[in-house]
Amino acid sequence: MKKLLYSLCCILLVSCNSSKNGFGPKGTNLKAMTGTWQQRGKQKFEKWAIVSPTETIGVAYDMTSGSTTINESMKLFKADETWIYQVKTGKDSLPVQFKLIPDKSCKLRFVNEKNDYPNVIKYFIVSDTSMYAEITDMKGINTEKFDFVKYVKK
């Protein structure tokens, strides 16, 4: 479950700009999430790539031990008129899906009331190189926050 939490925190690294290839009330540019993102102060990463205007895929990995350990595979896709975030945490696990349900405070709000935890995932884009995510239960009581920066190879 911790792997699921980590990947949910890192996902969807998208901005709230308008785009014909986006989602949400005003649209979100899927290009904003491409590339590699690093959890601030940690050797945990997510790498995202656009497959099509309605699908983006990602992988969450950890390099803490010095070698790469893949934790999750993710996909953001449009099903009918709804955007879905899907995460799979292992070879034998079933994917978990979260539906985009934006609200006034966050256009990037994904919800799955049936999941044990988390139920709500929110993403806040600070700039082109910085964002944070918030994962919580439906009541907003059990909350975790994560801080990310765009990774640039040195």
N, C-alpha and C. Protein backbone atom coordinates (compact mmCIF):
# COMPACT_ATOMS: atom_id res chain seq x y z
N MET A 1 0.82 -1.18 0.00
CA MET A 1 0.00 0.00 0.00
C MET A 1 0.87 1.26 0.00
N LYS A 2 2.05 1.22 0.66
CA LYS A 2 2.93 2.39 0.66
C LYS A 2 3.40 2.70 -0.75
N LYS A 3 3.62 1.66 -1.56
CA LYS A 3 4.02 1.89 -2.94
C LYS A 3 2.91 2.62 -3.69
N LEU A 4 1.68 2.22 -3.43
CA LEU A 4 0.55 2.89 -4.06
C LEU A 4 0.52 4.35 -3.64
N LEU A 5 0.73 4.61 -2.36
CA LEU A 5 0.73 5.98 -1.87
C LEU A 5 1.80 6.80 -2.56
N TYR A 6 2.99 6.24 -2.68
CA TYR A 6 4.09 6.97 -3.31
C TYR A 6 3.76 7.33 -4.74
N SER A 7 3.27 6.34 -5.49
CA SER A 7 3.02 6.62 -6.90
C SER A 7 1.90 7.62 -7.07
N LEU A 8 0.92 7.55 -6.22
CA LEU A 8 -0.19 8.48 -6.32
C LEU A 8 0.27 9.89 -6.04
N CYS A 9 1.27 10.02 -5.20
CA CYS A 9 1.79 11.35 -4.89
C CYS A 9 2.54 11.94 -6.06
N CYS A 10 3.19 11.10 -6.79
CA CYS A 10 4.08 11.58 -7.83
C CYS A 10 3.41 11.77 -9.17
N ILE A 11 2.22 11.23 -9.30
CA ILE A 11 1.61 11.19 -10.59
C ILE A 11 1.05 12.51 -11.06
N LEU A 12 0.67 12.55 -12.28
CA LEU A 12 -0.12 13.60 -12.89
C LEU A 12 0.54 14.95 -12.90
N LEU A 13 1.75 15.02 -12.90
CA LEU A 13 2.52 16.24 -12.78
C LEU A 13 2.15 17.16 -13.93
N VAL A 14 0.96 17.68 -13.85
CA VAL A 14 0.42 18.49 -14.94
C VAL A 14 0.06 19.87 -14.48
N SER A 15 0.07 20.80 -15.37
CA SER A 15 -0.30 22.17 -15.02
C SER A 15 -1.77 22.40 -15.29
N CYS A 16 -2.28 23.56 -14.89
CA CYS A 16 -3.68 23.89 -15.08
C CYS A 16 -3.87 24.87 -16.24
N ASN A 17 -3.06 24.75 -17.28
CA ASN A 17 -3.17 25.61 -18.45
C ASN A 17 -4.17 25.03 -19.44
N SER A 18 -4.77 25.87 -20.26
CA SER A 18 -5.70 25.40 -21.28
C SER A 18 -4.94 24.69 -22.38
N SER A 19 -5.60 23.65 -22.92
CA SER A 19 -5.02 22.92 -24.04
C SER A 19 -6.09 22.05 -24.67
N LYS A 20 -6.07 21.94 -25.98
CA LYS A 20 -7.03 21.05 -26.63
C LYS A 20 -6.70 19.60 -26.30
N ASN A 21 -5.50 19.30 -25.86
CA ASN A 21 -5.10 17.96 -25.48
C ASN A 21 -5.20 17.74 -23.99
N GLY A 22 -5.89 18.62 -23.28
CA GLY A 22 -5.92 18.56 -21.83
C GLY A 22 -7.18 17.97 -21.27
N PHE A 23 -7.35 18.18 -19.96
CA PHE A 23 -8.54 17.70 -19.27
C PHE A 23 -8.90 18.67 -18.17
N GLY A 24 -10.05 18.49 -17.60
CA GLY A 24 -10.52 19.40 -16.56
C GLY A 24 -11.36 20.50 -17.17
N PRO A 25 -11.95 21.34 -16.32
CA PRO A 25 -12.85 22.39 -16.80
C PRO A 25 -12.20 23.33 -17.81
N LYS A 26 -10.97 23.74 -17.57
CA LYS A 26 -10.29 24.64 -18.50
C LYS A 26 -9.22 23.91 -19.30
N GLY A 27 -9.06 22.64 -19.08
CA GLY A 27 -8.05 21.87 -19.77
C GLY A 27 -6.71 21.92 -19.05
N THR A 28 -5.92 20.92 -19.26
CA THR A 28 -4.58 20.85 -18.70
C THR A 28 -3.66 20.27 -19.74
N ASN A 29 -2.57 20.90 -19.96
CA ASN A 29 -1.62 20.49 -20.97
C ASN A 29 -0.87 19.24 -20.51
N LEU A 30 -1.05 18.14 -21.23
CA LEU A 30 -0.39 16.90 -20.87
C LEU A 30 1.13 16.99 -21.02
N LYS A 31 1.62 17.91 -21.84
CA LYS A 31 3.05 18.07 -22.01
C LYS A 31 3.72 18.51 -20.71
N ALA A 32 2.97 19.17 -19.83
CA ALA A 32 3.54 19.65 -18.57
C ALA A 32 3.99 18.51 -17.66
N MET A 33 3.46 17.33 -17.85
CA MET A 33 3.84 16.22 -16.99
C MET A 33 4.97 15.36 -17.56
N THR A 34 5.36 15.60 -18.78
CA THR A 34 6.40 14.78 -19.38
C THR A 34 7.75 15.05 -18.72
N GLY A 35 8.60 14.06 -18.81
CA GLY A 35 9.93 14.18 -18.23
C GLY A 35 10.03 13.45 -16.91
N THR A 36 11.08 13.76 -16.18
CA THR A 36 11.38 13.08 -14.92
C THR A 36 11.22 14.06 -13.77
N TRP A 37 10.55 13.59 -12.71
CA TRP A 37 10.30 14.38 -11.51
C TRP A 37 10.89 13.66 -10.31
N GLN A 38 11.47 14.41 -9.39
CA GLN A 38 12.12 13.85 -8.21
C GLN A 38 11.46 14.38 -6.95
N GLN A 39 11.23 13.45 -6.01
CA GLN A 39 10.72 13.89 -4.71
C GLN A 39 11.84 14.64 -4.01
N ARG A 40 11.56 15.84 -3.57
CA ARG A 40 12.58 16.74 -3.02
C ARG A 40 13.32 16.05 -1.86
N GLY A 41 14.67 16.02 -1.99
CA GLY A 41 15.53 15.46 -0.95
C GLY A 41 15.60 13.95 -0.91
N LYS A 42 15.00 13.28 -1.90
CA LYS A 42 14.99 11.81 -1.91
C LYS A 42 15.40 11.31 -3.28
N GLN A 43 15.75 10.04 -3.33
CA GLN A 43 16.11 9.40 -4.59
C GLN A 43 14.92 8.61 -5.15
N LYS A 44 13.75 9.25 -5.15
CA LYS A 44 12.52 8.66 -5.67
C LYS A 44 12.05 9.51 -6.85
N PHE A 45 11.71 8.86 -7.94
CA PHE A 45 11.44 9.54 -9.20
C PHE A 45 10.17 9.02 -9.86
N GLU A 46 9.67 9.83 -10.78
CA GLU A 46 8.64 9.41 -11.73
C GLU A 46 9.03 9.93 -13.09
N LYS A 47 8.83 9.10 -14.09
CA LYS A 47 9.13 9.49 -15.46
C LYS A 47 7.87 9.30 -16.28
N TRP A 48 7.47 10.36 -17.00
CA TRP A 48 6.23 10.37 -17.77
C TRP A 48 6.50 10.64 -19.24
N ALA A 49 5.69 10.02 -20.11
CA ALA A 49 5.79 10.23 -21.55
C ALA A 49 4.39 10.22 -22.17
N ILE A 50 4.19 11.10 -23.14
CA ILE A 50 2.91 11.16 -23.84
C ILE A 50 2.88 10.07 -24.91
N VAL A 51 1.80 9.29 -24.90
CA VAL A 51 1.58 8.26 -25.91
C VAL A 51 0.71 8.82 -27.03
N SER A 52 -0.30 9.59 -26.65
CA SER A 52 -1.22 10.20 -27.61
C SER A 52 -1.87 11.40 -26.92
N PRO A 53 -2.69 12.18 -27.63
CA PRO A 53 -3.35 13.32 -26.98
C PRO A 53 -4.28 12.92 -25.83
N THR A 54 -4.64 11.64 -25.75
CA THR A 54 -5.53 11.20 -24.69
C THR A 54 -4.91 10.12 -23.79
N GLU A 55 -3.59 9.97 -23.83
CA GLU A 55 -2.95 8.98 -22.97
C GLU A 55 -1.51 9.37 -22.65
N THR A 56 -1.19 9.29 -21.38
CA THR A 56 0.17 9.52 -20.89
C THR A 56 0.51 8.36 -19.97
N ILE A 57 1.74 7.85 -20.08
CA ILE A 57 2.16 6.74 -19.22
C ILE A 57 3.33 7.17 -18.34
N GLY A 58 3.45 6.50 -17.21
CA GLY A 58 4.53 6.83 -16.29
C GLY A 58 5.01 5.62 -15.53
N VAL A 59 6.19 5.78 -14.95
CA VAL A 59 6.76 4.75 -14.09
C VAL A 59 7.36 5.43 -12.88
N ALA A 60 7.12 4.84 -11.69
CA ALA A 60 7.70 5.35 -10.45
C ALA A 60 8.83 4.41 -10.07
N TYR A 61 9.98 5.02 -9.73
CA TYR A 61 11.11 4.19 -9.36
C TYR A 61 11.89 4.82 -8.23
N ASP A 62 12.65 3.97 -7.54
CA ASP A 62 13.41 4.36 -6.36
C ASP A 62 14.88 4.01 -6.60
N MET A 63 15.78 4.96 -6.35
CA MET A 63 17.21 4.72 -6.52
C MET A 63 17.97 4.86 -5.21
N THR A 64 17.25 4.75 -4.09
CA THR A 64 17.85 4.90 -2.77
C THR A 64 18.99 3.91 -2.54
N SER A 65 18.81 2.68 -3.01
CA SER A 65 19.82 1.64 -2.78
C SER A 65 20.99 1.72 -3.75
N GLY A 66 20.93 2.64 -4.71
CA GLY A 66 21.99 2.75 -5.71
C GLY A 66 21.63 2.06 -7.01
N SER A 67 20.64 1.18 -6.98
CA SER A 67 20.13 0.58 -8.20
C SER A 67 18.66 0.96 -8.35
N THR A 68 18.16 0.79 -9.54
CA THR A 68 16.79 1.21 -9.82
C THR A 68 15.80 0.12 -9.45
N THR A 69 14.83 0.47 -8.62
CA THR A 69 13.74 -0.42 -8.25
C THR A 69 12.44 0.21 -8.74
N ILE A 70 11.78 -0.47 -9.67
CA ILE A 70 10.52 0.04 -10.19
C ILE A 70 9.40 -0.32 -9.22
N ASN A 71 8.65 0.69 -8.79
CA ASN A 71 7.58 0.48 -7.81
C ASN A 71 6.20 0.41 -8.43
N GLU A 72 5.92 1.26 -9.40
CA GLU A 72 4.60 1.30 -10.01
C GLU A 72 4.66 1.68 -11.47
N SER A 73 3.62 1.26 -12.18
CA SER A 73 3.39 1.78 -13.52
C SER A 73 2.07 2.53 -13.48
N MET A 74 2.02 3.66 -14.17
CA MET A 74 0.85 4.51 -14.13
C MET A 74 0.39 4.85 -15.54
N LYS A 75 -0.86 5.23 -15.62
CA LYS A 75 -1.41 5.65 -16.90
C LYS A 75 -2.49 6.69 -16.62
N LEU A 76 -2.47 7.76 -17.39
CA LEU A 76 -3.51 8.78 -17.37
C LEU A 76 -4.14 8.75 -18.75
N PHE A 77 -5.45 8.48 -18.80
CA PHE A 77 -6.10 8.33 -20.09
C PHE A 77 -7.54 8.82 -20.05
N LYS A 78 -8.06 9.10 -21.23
CA LYS A 78 -9.43 9.57 -21.36
C LYS A 78 -10.30 8.39 -21.75
N ALA A 79 -11.33 8.12 -20.94
CA ALA A 79 -12.31 7.08 -21.21
C ALA A 79 -13.65 7.77 -21.41
N ASP A 80 -14.17 7.71 -22.62
CA ASP A 80 -15.35 8.50 -22.99
C ASP A 80 -15.02 9.97 -22.77
N GLU A 81 -15.72 10.64 -21.90
CA GLU A 81 -15.44 12.05 -21.62
C GLU A 81 -14.78 12.24 -20.25
N THR A 82 -14.33 11.16 -19.62
CA THR A 82 -13.76 11.22 -18.27
C THR A 82 -12.28 10.87 -18.29
N TRP A 83 -11.49 11.65 -17.56
CA TRP A 83 -10.07 11.34 -17.41
C TRP A 83 -9.89 10.41 -16.22
N ILE A 84 -9.07 9.39 -16.42
CA ILE A 84 -8.81 8.36 -15.41
C ILE A 84 -7.32 8.30 -15.14
N TYR A 85 -6.97 8.23 -13.85
CA TYR A 85 -5.60 7.94 -13.45
C TYR A 85 -5.60 6.52 -12.94
N GLN A 86 -4.69 5.70 -13.48
CA GLN A 86 -4.61 4.29 -13.11
C GLN A 86 -3.21 3.96 -12.64
N VAL A 87 -3.11 3.20 -11.55
CA VAL A 87 -1.81 2.79 -11.03
C VAL A 87 -1.81 1.29 -10.79
N LYS A 88 -0.67 0.67 -11.12
CA LYS A 88 -0.47 -0.76 -10.88
C LYS A 88 0.82 -0.91 -10.11
N THR A 89 0.75 -1.61 -8.96
CA THR A 89 1.90 -1.66 -8.05
C THR A 89 2.73 -2.93 -8.13
N GLY A 90 2.44 -3.82 -9.00
CA GLY A 90 3.24 -5.03 -9.13
C GLY A 90 2.74 -5.90 -10.26
N LYS A 91 3.51 -6.93 -10.57
CA LYS A 91 3.15 -7.81 -11.68
C LYS A 91 1.81 -8.49 -11.47
N ASP A 92 1.52 -8.88 -10.24
CA ASP A 92 0.30 -9.63 -9.97
C ASP A 92 -0.85 -8.78 -9.42
N SER A 93 -0.63 -7.49 -9.25
CA SER A 93 -1.68 -6.64 -8.69
C SER A 93 -2.64 -6.16 -9.78
N LEU A 94 -3.84 -5.87 -9.37
CA LEU A 94 -4.82 -5.28 -10.28
C LEU A 94 -4.66 -3.77 -10.27
N PRO A 95 -4.88 -3.10 -11.39
CA PRO A 95 -4.78 -1.65 -11.40
C PRO A 95 -5.90 -1.00 -10.58
N VAL A 96 -5.58 0.15 -9.99
CA VAL A 96 -6.55 0.94 -9.24
C VAL A 96 -6.79 2.22 -10.04
N GLN A 97 -8.06 2.57 -10.21
CA GLN A 97 -8.40 3.75 -11.01
C GLN A 97 -9.02 4.84 -10.15
N PHE A 98 -8.66 6.10 -10.49
CA PHE A 98 -9.19 7.29 -9.84
C PHE A 98 -9.76 8.19 -10.93
N LYS A 99 -10.95 8.73 -10.70
CA LYS A 99 -11.64 9.56 -11.67
C LYS A 99 -11.38 11.04 -11.39
N LEU A 100 -11.14 11.80 -12.44
CA LEU A 100 -10.95 13.24 -12.29
C LEU A 100 -12.27 13.88 -11.87
N ILE A 101 -12.26 14.50 -10.68
CA ILE A 101 -13.41 15.26 -10.18
C ILE A 101 -12.85 16.55 -9.59
N PRO A 102 -12.65 17.57 -10.44
CA PRO A 102 -12.07 18.82 -9.96
C PRO A 102 -13.01 19.54 -9.00
N ASP A 103 -12.44 20.38 -8.14
CA ASP A 103 -13.24 21.25 -7.28
C ASP A 103 -12.64 22.65 -7.33
N LYS A 104 -13.21 23.57 -6.56
CA LYS A 104 -12.77 24.97 -6.59
C LYS A 104 -11.32 25.14 -6.17
N SER A 105 -10.87 24.34 -5.22
CA SER A 105 -9.50 24.51 -4.71
C SER A 105 -8.45 23.79 -5.55
N CYS A 106 -8.88 22.81 -6.34
CA CYS A 106 -7.90 22.03 -7.10
C CYS A 106 -8.54 21.43 -8.34
N LYS A 107 -8.06 21.84 -9.50
CA LYS A 107 -8.57 21.29 -10.75
C LYS A 107 -8.07 19.87 -10.98
N LEU A 108 -6.95 19.52 -10.36
CA LEU A 108 -6.38 18.18 -10.52
C LEU A 108 -6.69 17.37 -9.27
N ARG A 109 -7.92 16.97 -9.16
CA ARG A 109 -8.41 16.20 -8.01
C ARG A 109 -8.99 14.90 -8.54
N PHE A 110 -8.42 13.77 -8.10
CA PHE A 110 -8.84 12.45 -8.54
C PHE A 110 -9.41 11.70 -7.35
N VAL A 111 -10.52 10.99 -7.58
CA VAL A 111 -11.25 10.37 -6.48
C VAL A 111 -11.57 8.92 -6.79
N ASN A 112 -11.41 8.08 -5.76
CA ASN A 112 -11.89 6.69 -5.78
C ASN A 112 -12.39 6.40 -4.36
N GLU A 113 -13.68 6.53 -4.15
CA GLU A 113 -14.28 6.35 -2.83
C GLU A 113 -14.18 4.91 -2.34
N LYS A 114 -14.03 3.95 -3.24
CA LYS A 114 -14.00 2.53 -2.87
C LYS A 114 -12.62 2.04 -2.49
N ASN A 115 -11.58 2.77 -2.82
CA ASN A 115 -10.22 2.37 -2.47
C ASN A 115 -10.03 2.51 -0.96
N ASP A 116 -9.24 1.61 -0.36
CA ASP A 116 -9.04 1.69 1.10
C ASP A 116 -8.34 2.98 1.50
N TYR A 117 -7.27 3.33 0.84
CA TYR A 117 -6.55 4.59 1.06
C TYR A 117 -5.48 4.69 0.00
N PRO A 118 -5.30 5.80 -0.58
CA PRO A 118 -6.02 7.05 -0.45
C PRO A 118 -7.32 7.03 -1.24
N ASN A 119 -8.19 7.98 -0.95
CA ASN A 119 -9.43 8.15 -1.71
C ASN A 119 -9.36 9.38 -2.61
N VAL A 120 -8.60 10.38 -2.20
CA VAL A 120 -8.50 11.63 -2.96
C VAL A 120 -7.03 11.96 -3.18
N ILE A 121 -6.71 12.35 -4.41
CA ILE A 121 -5.37 12.74 -4.78
C ILE A 121 -5.46 14.12 -5.42
N LYS A 122 -4.69 15.07 -4.91
CA LYS A 122 -4.70 16.43 -5.46
C LYS A 122 -3.28 16.82 -5.86
N TYR A 123 -3.17 17.56 -6.96
CA TYR A 123 -1.88 18.06 -7.43
C TYR A 123 -1.95 19.56 -7.60
N PHE A 124 -0.91 20.24 -7.12
CA PHE A 124 -0.81 21.70 -7.18
C PHE A 124 0.49 22.05 -7.88
N ILE A 125 0.39 22.69 -9.04
CA ILE A 125 1.57 23.08 -9.79
C ILE A 125 2.01 24.45 -9.29
N VAL A 126 3.24 24.52 -8.78
CA VAL A 126 3.80 25.77 -8.27
C VAL A 126 4.47 26.54 -9.40
N SER A 127 5.21 25.82 -10.23
CA SER A 127 5.89 26.41 -11.40
C SER A 127 6.19 25.29 -12.38
N ASP A 128 6.91 25.62 -13.45
CA ASP A 128 7.28 24.60 -14.44
C ASP A 128 8.21 23.55 -13.85
N THR A 129 8.86 23.87 -12.73
CA THR A 129 9.84 22.96 -12.15
C THR A 129 9.51 22.52 -10.73
N SER A 130 8.33 22.87 -10.24
CA SER A 130 7.99 22.55 -8.86
C SER A 130 6.49 22.27 -8.71
N MET A 131 6.17 21.27 -7.89
CA MET A 131 4.78 20.94 -7.61
C MET A 131 4.70 20.23 -6.27
N TYR A 132 3.49 20.14 -5.72
CA TYR A 132 3.28 19.28 -4.58
C TYR A 132 1.98 18.53 -4.75
N ALA A 133 1.90 17.41 -4.05
CA ALA A 133 0.72 16.55 -4.12
C ALA A 133 0.20 16.33 -2.71
N GLU A 134 -1.08 16.08 -2.64
CA GLU A 134 -1.72 15.81 -1.36
C GLU A 134 -2.59 14.58 -1.54
N ILE A 135 -2.44 13.62 -0.65
CA ILE A 135 -3.21 12.39 -0.68
C ILE A 135 -3.97 12.30 0.63
N THR A 136 -5.25 11.94 0.53
CA THR A 136 -6.07 11.96 1.74
C THR A 136 -7.22 10.96 1.65
N ASP A 137 -7.88 10.79 2.77
CA ASP A 137 -9.12 10.02 2.79
C ASP A 137 -10.26 10.93 2.37
N MET A 138 -11.48 10.42 2.29
CA MET A 138 -12.61 11.22 1.84
C MET A 138 -12.92 12.40 2.76
N LYS A 139 -12.67 12.24 4.05
CA LYS A 139 -12.98 13.30 5.01
C LYS A 139 -11.86 14.33 5.12
N GLY A 140 -10.72 14.06 4.52
CA GLY A 140 -9.60 15.00 4.58
C GLY A 140 -8.86 14.97 5.90
N ILE A 141 -9.03 13.90 6.67
CA ILE A 141 -8.41 13.80 8.00
C ILE A 141 -7.01 13.20 7.92
N ASN A 142 -6.87 12.08 7.25
CA ASN A 142 -5.60 11.38 7.12
C ASN A 142 -4.91 11.87 5.85
N THR A 143 -4.03 12.87 5.98
CA THR A 143 -3.43 13.54 4.83
C THR A 143 -1.92 13.40 4.81
N GLU A 144 -1.39 13.19 3.61
CA GLU A 144 0.06 13.18 3.40
C GLU A 144 0.37 14.14 2.26
N LYS A 145 1.48 14.90 2.41
CA LYS A 145 1.89 15.84 1.38
C LYS A 145 3.28 15.48 0.88
N PHE A 146 3.51 15.73 -0.40
CA PHE A 146 4.78 15.41 -1.04
C PHE A 146 5.22 16.58 -1.91
N ASP A 147 6.50 16.87 -1.90
CA ASP A 147 7.07 18.02 -2.61
C ASP A 147 7.97 17.49 -3.73
N PHE A 148 7.80 17.99 -4.94
CA PHE A 148 8.54 17.50 -6.10
C PHE A 148 9.19 18.62 -6.89
N VAL A 149 10.30 18.29 -7.54
CA VAL A 149 10.99 19.21 -8.46
C VAL A 149 11.26 18.46 -9.76
N LYS A 150 11.29 19.22 -10.84
CA LYS A 150 11.63 18.64 -12.13
C LYS A 150 13.09 18.26 -12.12
N TYR A 151 13.39 17.04 -12.48
CA TYR A 151 14.75 16.52 -12.45
C TYR A 151 15.49 16.88 -13.74
N VAL A 152 16.68 17.42 -13.57
CA VAL A 152 17.53 17.76 -14.70
C VAL A 152 18.85 17.04 -14.50
N LYS A 153 19.24 16.20 -15.47
CA LYS A 153 20.52 15.49 -15.37
C LYS A 153 21.66 16.48 -15.34
N LYS A 154 22.65 16.18 -14.49
CA LYS A 154 23.82 17.05 -14.38
C LYS A 154 24.95 16.56 -15.22
